[in-house]
Amino acid sequence: MIELLDDLDRWHAAGRRVALARVVDIDGSGPRLPGAAMAVSEDGEVAGSVSGGCVEGAVVTEALELLRTGERRVVSFGYGDDDAFAVGLTCGGTVHLFLEPLPAPSPESTSTDTGGADRALYVALADALRGQRPAVLATVIEGPRRGAKLLLEPGEPVIGTLGDADLDRVVGRDALGELDTGTNVVRHYGEHGEARETAVSVFIESFAPPPRLLVFGAVDFTKALVRVAKVLGYHVTVCDAREVFATSRRFPQADEVVVDWPHRLVERVQAEGPALGPRDAVCVLTHDHKFDIPAIQAVLATDVGYLGAMGSRRTHAERVDRLHAEGVTDEALARLMAPIGLDIGGRTPEETAVAICAEMIAVRTGRTAPNLRDSAGPIH
């Protein structure tokens, strides 16, 4: 959505009406995940994508029809549908889109909007996106009050309503839970928020800040890891207590370079917030016990989603003995991926960085993969 904001502002300033299409669900394989968005102006100009080119032409037709009728609706394209095949959706799955008119941000605009409440919600959402603040949007896509919305930012008043106080309460709770993991999902409820009922379908869309990667150790592998992680969208911090190595000149693509002991950085992040969560990752590349042991102990006390540590199998065996001596249990150590990375035969720093990031993805998605930790062959 954030990639659409400049175009939306331009269209609204010109008084153009706008339709928004969002992927809310997919069955089987789909070219774009839920949350992918595409906006269409009344004169057929397009911003964003919902399928990487497969169904965009058909979506433009649907969007222009929506602007004519004002009827919000879910439209679907699947491999078995003649229309979908004609527009090129041949990935084997079905993509479900929710189309709706987008309210103009100001009442002076000539665009068709749905009132002051929707305008206030749109402005608040755009402000949160531009400020990279965590927010979650719940939209009724099927059932009474289709198109009704609820916008939540942690610690801020709720904006909007789904039309029922109990439904607002239940969906708000679930939405904040989805925000914690950064996921987008369709949930089903009764008209008053009852569980295991299907009268109301709500698309919950998380707008979470970029996941964070803390890299401990300003070593040769770090520069390659920073580059690959930035491609994946991570906010990357490099931390090392050695001032001569931890410099922005050595790691120009890092978002932050911190000169401090790694465990103190973790303690500061946890105290000052936002705390490390399931979408975040920590990579310990120092393979030096005086850095590694306190850093790993500090990270194991957080809810970070991925923790990996570099070093040979002998180095890691010694590391485990030292962690045991500090009172760290085997249950806690089960979270530690060491030696770090997938077993893809990586040798160069760049190949090793790919192996590490691939393991971070596999751990986050719950997929099994050939981890170096669980194999016995040579490592990078």
Protein backbone atom coordinates (compact mmCIF):
# COMPACT_ATOMS: atom_id res chain seq x y z
CA MET A 1 0.00 0.00 0.00
CA ILE A 2 2.77 2.45 0.83
CA GLU A 3 3.99 2.26 -2.77
CA LEU A 4 0.58 3.55 -3.93
CA LEU A 5 0.37 6.63 -1.72
CA ASP A 6 2.07 9.12 -4.02
CA ASP A 7 -0.11 8.11 -6.98
CA LEU A 8 -3.23 8.22 -4.82
CA ASP A 9 -2.37 11.71 -3.63
CA ARG A 10 -1.81 12.85 -7.21
CA TRP A 11 -5.11 11.40 -8.42
CA HIS A 12 -7.06 12.82 -5.51
CA ALA A 13 -5.49 16.26 -6.02
CA ALA A 14 -6.70 16.12 -9.61
CA GLY A 15 -10.21 15.21 -8.45
CA ARG A 16 -10.15 11.72 -9.93
CA ARG A 17 -12.18 8.89 -8.47
CA VAL A 18 -10.15 5.84 -7.47
CA ALA A 19 -10.86 2.13 -7.00
CA LEU A 20 -8.64 -0.11 -4.88
CA ALA A 21 -8.17 -3.86 -5.40
CA ARG A 22 -6.47 -5.94 -2.71
CA VAL A 23 -5.56 -9.61 -2.71
CA VAL A 24 -7.38 -10.98 0.33
CA ASP A 25 -6.90 -14.72 -0.17
CA ILE A 26 -5.43 -17.32 -2.51
CA ASP A 27 -6.23 -20.99 -3.05
CA GLY A 28 -3.28 -23.08 -4.16
CA SER A 29 -0.49 -21.18 -5.88
CA GLY A 30 -0.83 -17.47 -6.49
CA PRO A 31 1.47 -14.88 -8.07
CA ARG A 32 1.05 -12.36 -5.20
CA LEU A 33 0.31 -12.87 -1.52
CA PRO A 34 -2.63 -11.40 0.45
CA GLY A 35 -2.07 -7.70 0.95
CA ALA A 36 -0.84 -7.02 -2.59
CA ALA A 37 -2.70 -3.95 -3.82
CA MET A 38 -3.53 -2.18 -7.06
CA ALA A 39 -5.26 1.16 -7.55
CA VAL A 40 -7.10 2.28 -10.69
CA SER A 41 -8.10 5.87 -11.43
CA GLU A 42 -11.32 6.69 -13.26
CA ASP A 43 -9.37 7.33 -16.47
CA GLY A 44 -7.72 3.89 -16.33
CA GLU A 45 -4.32 4.79 -14.89
CA VAL A 46 -2.90 1.98 -12.76
CA ALA A 47 -0.56 1.83 -9.75
CA GLY A 48 0.60 -1.35 -8.04
CA SER A 49 -0.02 -4.98 -8.95
CA VAL A 50 -2.12 -7.89 -7.72
CA SER A 51 -0.75 -10.65 -9.93
CA GLY A 52 2.49 -9.56 -11.53
CA GLY A 53 0.69 -8.98 -14.83
CA CYS A 54 -1.57 -12.05 -15.08
CA VAL A 55 -4.97 -10.48 -14.39
CA GLU A 56 -4.29 -6.75 -14.22
CA GLY A 57 -6.22 -6.01 -17.42
CA ALA A 58 -9.31 -7.78 -16.11
CA VAL A 59 -8.98 -6.01 -12.76
CA VAL A 60 -8.98 -2.63 -14.51
CA THR A 61 -12.29 -3.57 -16.16
CA GLU A 62 -13.73 -4.63 -12.80
CA ALA A 63 -12.45 -1.47 -11.11
CA LEU A 64 -13.99 0.85 -13.69
CA GLU A 65 -17.30 -0.99 -13.33
CA LEU A 66 -17.03 -0.54 -9.56
CA LEU A 67 -16.57 3.21 -9.97
CA ARG A 68 -19.73 3.25 -12.08
CA THR A 69 -21.87 1.26 -9.63
CA GLY A 70 -20.14 1.89 -6.27
CA GLU A 71 -20.70 -1.77 -5.31
CA ARG A 72 -17.93 -3.24 -3.19
CA ARG A 73 -17.36 -6.92 -3.90
CA VAL A 74 -14.99 -9.89 -3.94
CA VAL A 75 -13.92 -11.07 -7.40
CA SER A 76 -11.97 -14.26 -8.04
CA PHE A 77 -9.76 -15.55 -10.83
CA GLY A 78 -8.75 -19.20 -10.96
CA TYR A 79 -6.98 -21.55 -13.30
CA GLY A 80 -10.19 -23.41 -14.05
CA ASP A 81 -12.13 -20.27 -14.99
CA ASP A 82 -12.40 -19.41 -18.66
CA ASP A 83 -12.02 -15.71 -17.88
CA ALA A 84 -8.95 -16.31 -15.73
CA PHE A 85 -7.35 -18.51 -18.37
CA ALA A 86 -8.04 -15.83 -20.96
CA VAL A 87 -6.21 -13.19 -18.94
CA GLY A 88 -3.27 -15.46 -18.23
CA LEU A 89 -3.57 -16.75 -14.65
CA THR A 90 -1.87 -20.08 -15.29
CA CYS A 91 -0.11 -20.61 -11.95
CA GLY A 92 -2.66 -23.26 -10.94
CA GLY A 93 -4.39 -21.42 -8.10
CA THR A 94 -7.22 -19.00 -7.46
CA VAL A 95 -6.76 -15.39 -6.38
CA HIS A 96 -9.52 -13.54 -4.50
CA LEU A 97 -9.60 -9.74 -4.68
CA PHE A 98 -11.67 -7.22 -2.74
CA LEU A 99 -12.57 -4.15 -4.77
CA GLU A 100 -13.85 -0.93 -3.26
CA PRO A 101 -13.89 2.80 -3.99
CA LEU A 102 -11.18 4.67 -2.13
CA PRO A 103 -12.35 7.70 -0.14
CA ALA A 104 -10.81 11.03 -1.00
CA PRO A 105 -8.69 12.42 1.86
CA SER A 106 -10.56 15.74 1.95
CA PRO A 107 -14.24 16.63 1.61
CA GLU A 108 -13.38 19.35 -0.93
CA SER A 109 -12.30 16.70 -3.46
CA THR A 110 -14.71 15.92 -6.27
CA SER A 111 -14.04 12.20 -5.85
CA THR A 112 -16.86 10.00 -4.63
CA ASP A 113 -16.17 9.00 -1.02
CA THR A 114 -18.09 7.37 1.79
CA GLY A 115 -18.09 10.15 4.36
CA GLY A 116 -15.96 11.74 7.02
CA ALA A 117 -15.29 8.53 8.97
CA ASP A 118 -13.74 6.81 5.96
CA ARG A 119 -11.72 9.91 5.14
CA ALA A 120 -10.35 10.07 8.68
CA LEU A 121 -9.43 6.39 8.57
CA TYR A 122 -7.68 6.73 5.21
CA VAL A 123 -5.68 9.75 6.41
CA ALA A 124 -4.68 7.92 9.61
CA LEU A 125 -3.60 4.83 7.69
CA ALA A 126 -1.56 6.85 5.19
CA ASP A 127 0.08 8.71 8.08
CA ALA A 128 0.98 5.43 9.82
CA LEU A 129 2.42 3.96 6.63
CA ARG A 130 4.56 7.00 5.90
CA GLY A 131 5.72 7.10 9.51
CA GLN A 132 6.51 3.35 9.44
CA ARG A 133 4.35 2.85 12.52
CA PRO A 134 2.77 -0.57 13.07
CA ALA A 135 -0.93 -0.61 12.18
CA VAL A 136 -3.54 -3.18 11.24
CA LEU A 137 -6.65 -2.69 9.10
CA ALA A 138 -9.73 -4.93 9.38
CA THR A 139 -12.24 -4.78 6.49
CA VAL A 140 -15.57 -6.58 6.17
CA ILE A 141 -15.44 -8.26 2.76
CA GLU A 142 -18.57 -10.42 3.08
CA GLY A 143 -21.65 -9.95 5.24
CA PRO A 144 -23.54 -6.98 6.68
CA ARG A 145 -21.82 -3.59 6.22
CA ARG A 146 -19.45 -4.84 3.55
CA GLY A 147 -16.53 -2.41 3.34
CA ALA A 148 -16.76 -1.32 7.00
CA LYS A 149 -13.32 -0.87 8.53
CA LEU A 150 -11.45 -0.85 11.80
CA LEU A 151 -7.95 0.65 12.05
CA LEU A 152 -5.77 -0.11 15.06
CA GLU A 153 -2.37 1.18 16.12
CA PRO A 154 -0.92 -0.23 19.35
CA GLY A 155 -1.54 2.20 22.19
CA GLU A 156 -3.77 4.49 20.08
CA PRO A 157 -7.58 4.91 19.98
CA VAL A 158 -9.36 2.65 17.52
CA ILE A 159 -10.63 4.35 14.35
CA GLY A 160 -13.77 3.14 12.61
CA THR A 161 -16.30 0.40 13.35
CA LEU A 162 -17.54 -2.81 11.79
CA GLY A 163 -21.06 -1.98 12.88
CA ASP A 164 -21.28 -3.93 16.15
CA ALA A 165 -19.43 -3.27 19.41
CA ASP A 166 -18.85 -6.95 20.20
CA LEU A 167 -17.62 -7.64 16.67
CA ASP A 168 -15.27 -4.65 16.95
CA ARG A 169 -13.87 -5.99 20.22
CA VAL A 170 -13.24 -9.54 18.97
CA VAL A 171 -11.85 -8.51 15.60
CA GLY A 172 -9.68 -5.84 17.25
CA ARG A 173 -8.16 -8.45 19.53
CA ASP A 174 -7.49 -10.83 16.63
CA ALA A 175 -6.13 -8.03 14.46
CA LEU A 176 -3.52 -7.01 17.01
CA GLY A 177 -2.49 -10.66 17.26
CA GLU A 178 -1.96 -10.81 13.50
CA LEU A 179 0.02 -7.57 13.66
CA ASP A 180 2.45 -9.19 16.09
CA THR A 181 3.39 -11.73 13.42
CA GLY A 182 2.95 -9.41 10.43
CA THR A 183 0.41 -11.65 8.70
CA ASN A 184 -2.62 -10.98 6.47
CA VAL A 185 -5.59 -13.31 6.77
CA VAL A 186 -9.35 -13.67 6.27
CA ARG A 187 -11.23 -14.57 9.47
CA HIS A 188 -14.87 -15.52 9.86
CA TYR A 189 -17.29 -14.51 12.65
CA GLY A 190 -20.92 -14.33 13.62
CA GLU A 191 -22.61 -10.94 13.34
CA HIS A 192 -21.62 -10.16 16.96
CA GLY A 193 -18.15 -11.71 16.81
CA GLU A 194 -19.17 -15.27 17.62
CA ALA A 195 -16.53 -17.92 16.93
CA ARG A 196 -17.08 -20.78 14.46
CA GLU A 197 -19.68 -18.83 12.50
CA THR A 198 -19.45 -17.44 8.97
CA ALA A 199 -21.96 -14.59 8.75
CA VAL A 200 -19.14 -12.04 8.49
CA SER A 201 -15.80 -12.40 6.67
CA VAL A 202 -13.10 -9.92 7.68
CA PHE A 203 -9.80 -9.32 5.91
CA ILE A 204 -7.14 -8.46 8.48
CA GLU A 205 -4.19 -6.67 6.90
CA SER A 206 -1.04 -6.00 8.90
CA PHE A 207 1.18 -3.03 8.15
CA ALA A 208 4.20 -3.91 10.25
CA PRO A 209 7.53 -2.07 10.14
CA PRO A 210 10.34 -3.91 8.34
CA PRO A 211 11.63 -6.91 10.28
CA ARG A 212 14.92 -6.27 12.04
CA LEU A 213 18.18 -8.11 11.68
CA LEU A 214 20.87 -7.59 14.31
CA VAL A 215 24.28 -8.76 13.10
CA PHE A 216 26.86 -9.16 15.85
CA GLY A 217 30.42 -8.97 14.59
CA ALA A 218 31.91 -6.56 12.05
CA VAL A 219 33.62 -9.35 10.09
CA ASP A 220 34.10 -10.12 6.40
CA PHE A 221 30.89 -12.15 6.14
CA THR A 222 28.88 -9.32 7.63
CA LYS A 223 29.07 -7.06 4.57
CA ALA A 224 27.61 -9.79 2.33
CA LEU A 225 24.91 -10.64 4.87
CA VAL A 226 23.88 -6.99 5.10
CA ARG A 227 23.50 -6.79 1.30
CA VAL A 228 21.35 -9.91 1.04
CA ALA A 229 19.21 -9.01 4.07
CA LYS A 230 18.50 -5.55 2.63
CA VAL A 231 17.20 -7.18 -0.56
CA LEU A 232 14.79 -9.15 1.64
CA GLY A 233 13.53 -5.97 3.29
CA TYR A 234 15.22 -6.16 6.70
CA HIS A 235 16.21 -3.14 8.75
CA VAL A 236 19.81 -4.13 9.49
CA THR A 237 21.92 -3.17 12.49
CA VAL A 238 25.59 -4.14 12.70
CA CYS A 239 27.04 -4.20 16.20
CA ASP A 240 30.60 -4.75 17.39
CA ALA A 241 32.47 -3.51 20.45
CA ARG A 242 35.60 -2.86 18.37
CA GLU A 243 35.36 0.72 17.15
CA VAL A 244 38.00 0.29 14.46
CA PHE A 245 35.89 -2.37 12.69
CA ALA A 246 32.34 -1.14 13.33
CA THR A 247 32.19 1.80 10.91
CA SER A 248 29.62 3.01 8.41
CA ARG A 249 32.35 3.13 5.78
CA ARG A 250 32.81 -0.64 6.03
CA PHE A 251 29.06 -1.32 6.03
CA PRO A 252 27.44 1.43 3.95
CA GLN A 253 24.23 -0.53 3.34
CA ALA A 254 23.52 -1.11 7.02
CA ASP A 255 20.77 1.04 8.51
CA GLU A 256 22.75 1.36 11.74
CA VAL A 257 26.27 0.61 12.87
CA VAL A 258 26.57 0.44 16.66
CA VAL A 259 29.79 0.38 18.65
CA ASP A 260 28.94 -1.54 21.80
CA TRP A 261 28.94 -4.99 23.30
CA PRO A 262 26.20 -7.05 21.59
CA HIS A 263 24.46 -8.11 24.80
CA ARG A 264 24.16 -4.47 25.87
CA LEU A 265 22.52 -3.59 22.55
CA VAL A 266 19.98 -6.39 23.07
CA GLU A 267 19.24 -5.18 26.58
CA ARG A 268 18.76 -1.64 25.30
CA VAL A 269 16.44 -2.76 22.49
CA GLN A 270 14.34 -4.75 24.95
CA ALA A 271 14.17 -1.89 27.44
CA GLU A 272 13.51 0.95 25.01
CA GLY A 273 11.44 -0.99 22.46
CA PRO A 274 10.12 -2.16 20.25
CA ALA A 275 11.21 -5.50 21.66
CA LEU A 276 12.52 -8.21 19.36
CA GLY A 277 9.65 -10.33 18.00
CA PRO A 278 8.88 -13.35 15.82
CA ARG A 279 9.64 -11.52 12.55
CA ASP A 280 13.08 -10.39 13.71
CA ALA A 281 16.43 -12.17 13.48
CA VAL A 282 19.82 -12.12 15.17
CA CYS A 283 23.02 -13.47 13.61
CA VAL A 284 26.09 -13.88 15.80
CA LEU A 285 29.11 -13.92 13.48
CA THR A 286 31.92 -13.18 15.93
CA HIS A 287 32.67 -16.80 16.98
CA ASP A 288 34.52 -15.33 19.95
CA HIS A 289 33.27 -16.57 23.30
CA LYS A 290 33.66 -13.28 25.13
CA PHE A 291 31.20 -11.75 22.65
CA ASP A 292 29.06 -14.79 21.82
CA ILE A 293 28.12 -16.12 25.25
CA PRO A 294 26.57 -12.97 26.78
CA ALA A 295 24.99 -12.05 23.41
CA ILE A 296 23.31 -15.45 22.97
CA GLN A 297 22.13 -15.44 26.58
CA ALA A 298 20.56 -12.02 26.11
CA VAL A 299 18.86 -12.98 22.83
CA LEU A 300 17.47 -16.24 24.23
CA ALA A 301 15.58 -14.14 26.78
CA THR A 302 13.67 -12.41 23.94
CA ASP A 303 10.92 -13.53 21.55
CA VAL A 304 13.13 -13.17 18.47
CA GLY A 305 12.10 -15.50 15.65
CA TYR A 306 15.57 -16.53 14.50
CA LEU A 307 18.90 -16.83 16.27
CA GLY A 308 21.95 -18.18 14.44
CA ALA A 309 25.63 -18.32 15.36
CA MET A 310 28.66 -18.80 13.13
CA GLY A 311 31.62 -21.03 13.93
CA SER A 312 33.05 -24.45 13.33
CA ARG A 313 31.50 -27.52 14.89
CA ARG A 314 34.33 -27.58 17.46
CA THR A 315 33.80 -23.90 18.25
CA HIS A 316 30.08 -24.50 18.68
CA ALA A 317 30.65 -27.51 20.94
CA GLU A 318 32.80 -25.32 23.19
CA ARG A 319 30.14 -22.59 22.98
CA VAL A 320 27.46 -25.02 24.15
CA ASP A 321 29.61 -26.12 27.11
CA ARG A 322 30.10 -22.49 28.14
CA LEU A 323 26.37 -21.74 27.78
CA HIS A 324 25.54 -24.79 29.90
CA ALA A 325 27.97 -23.51 32.51
CA GLU A 326 26.03 -20.22 32.53
CA GLY A 327 22.80 -22.12 33.23
CA VAL A 328 21.33 -22.17 29.70
CA THR A 329 19.19 -25.27 29.23
CA ASP A 330 19.08 -27.63 26.25
CA GLU A 331 15.47 -26.57 25.70
CA ALA A 332 16.57 -22.95 25.30
CA LEU A 333 19.48 -23.94 23.08
CA ALA A 334 17.10 -25.71 20.69
CA ARG A 335 16.29 -22.23 19.34
CA LEU A 336 19.92 -21.65 18.35
CA MET A 337 20.82 -22.46 14.74
CA ALA A 338 24.52 -23.25 14.85
CA PRO A 339 26.51 -23.75 12.77
CA ILE A 340 24.50 -21.06 11.03
CA GLY A 341 22.83 -21.45 7.62
CA LEU A 342 21.41 -24.05 5.29
CA ASP A 343 23.63 -26.82 3.97
CA ILE A 344 23.88 -25.61 0.36
CA GLY A 345 27.64 -25.92 0.00
CA GLY A 346 28.28 -22.19 0.28
CA ARG A 347 31.90 -21.12 0.29
CA THR A 348 32.16 -17.41 -0.46
CA PRO A 349 30.83 -14.73 1.90
CA GLU A 350 28.01 -14.06 -0.59
CA GLU A 351 27.02 -17.73 -0.81
CA THR A 352 27.17 -18.01 2.97
CA ALA A 353 24.93 -14.95 3.29
CA VAL A 354 22.39 -16.59 0.98
CA ALA A 355 22.54 -19.79 3.09
CA ILE A 356 21.94 -17.78 6.28
CA CYS A 357 19.04 -15.76 4.87
CA ALA A 358 17.49 -18.89 3.40
CA GLU A 359 17.56 -20.48 6.85
CA MET A 360 15.99 -17.34 8.36
CA ILE A 361 13.12 -17.67 5.86
CA ALA A 362 12.73 -21.41 6.51
CA VAL A 363 12.56 -20.91 10.28
CA ARG A 364 10.02 -18.10 9.91
CA THR A 365 7.76 -20.12 7.61
CA GLY A 366 8.13 -23.38 9.51
CA ARG A 367 9.62 -25.28 6.58
CA THR A 368 12.10 -28.10 7.07
CA ALA A 369 15.39 -27.58 5.30
CA PRO A 370 18.91 -29.09 5.30
CA ASN A 371 20.34 -27.13 8.23
CA LEU A 372 24.06 -27.24 8.92
CA ARG A 373 23.15 -27.63 12.59
CA ASP A 374 21.47 -30.96 11.89
CA SER A 375 23.97 -32.31 9.34
CA ALA A 376 27.47 -33.69 9.70
CA GLY A 377 29.23 -32.48 6.54
CA PRO A 378 31.63 -29.60 6.00
CA ILE A 379 30.44 -26.04 6.56
CA HIS A 380 31.24 -22.65 5.08
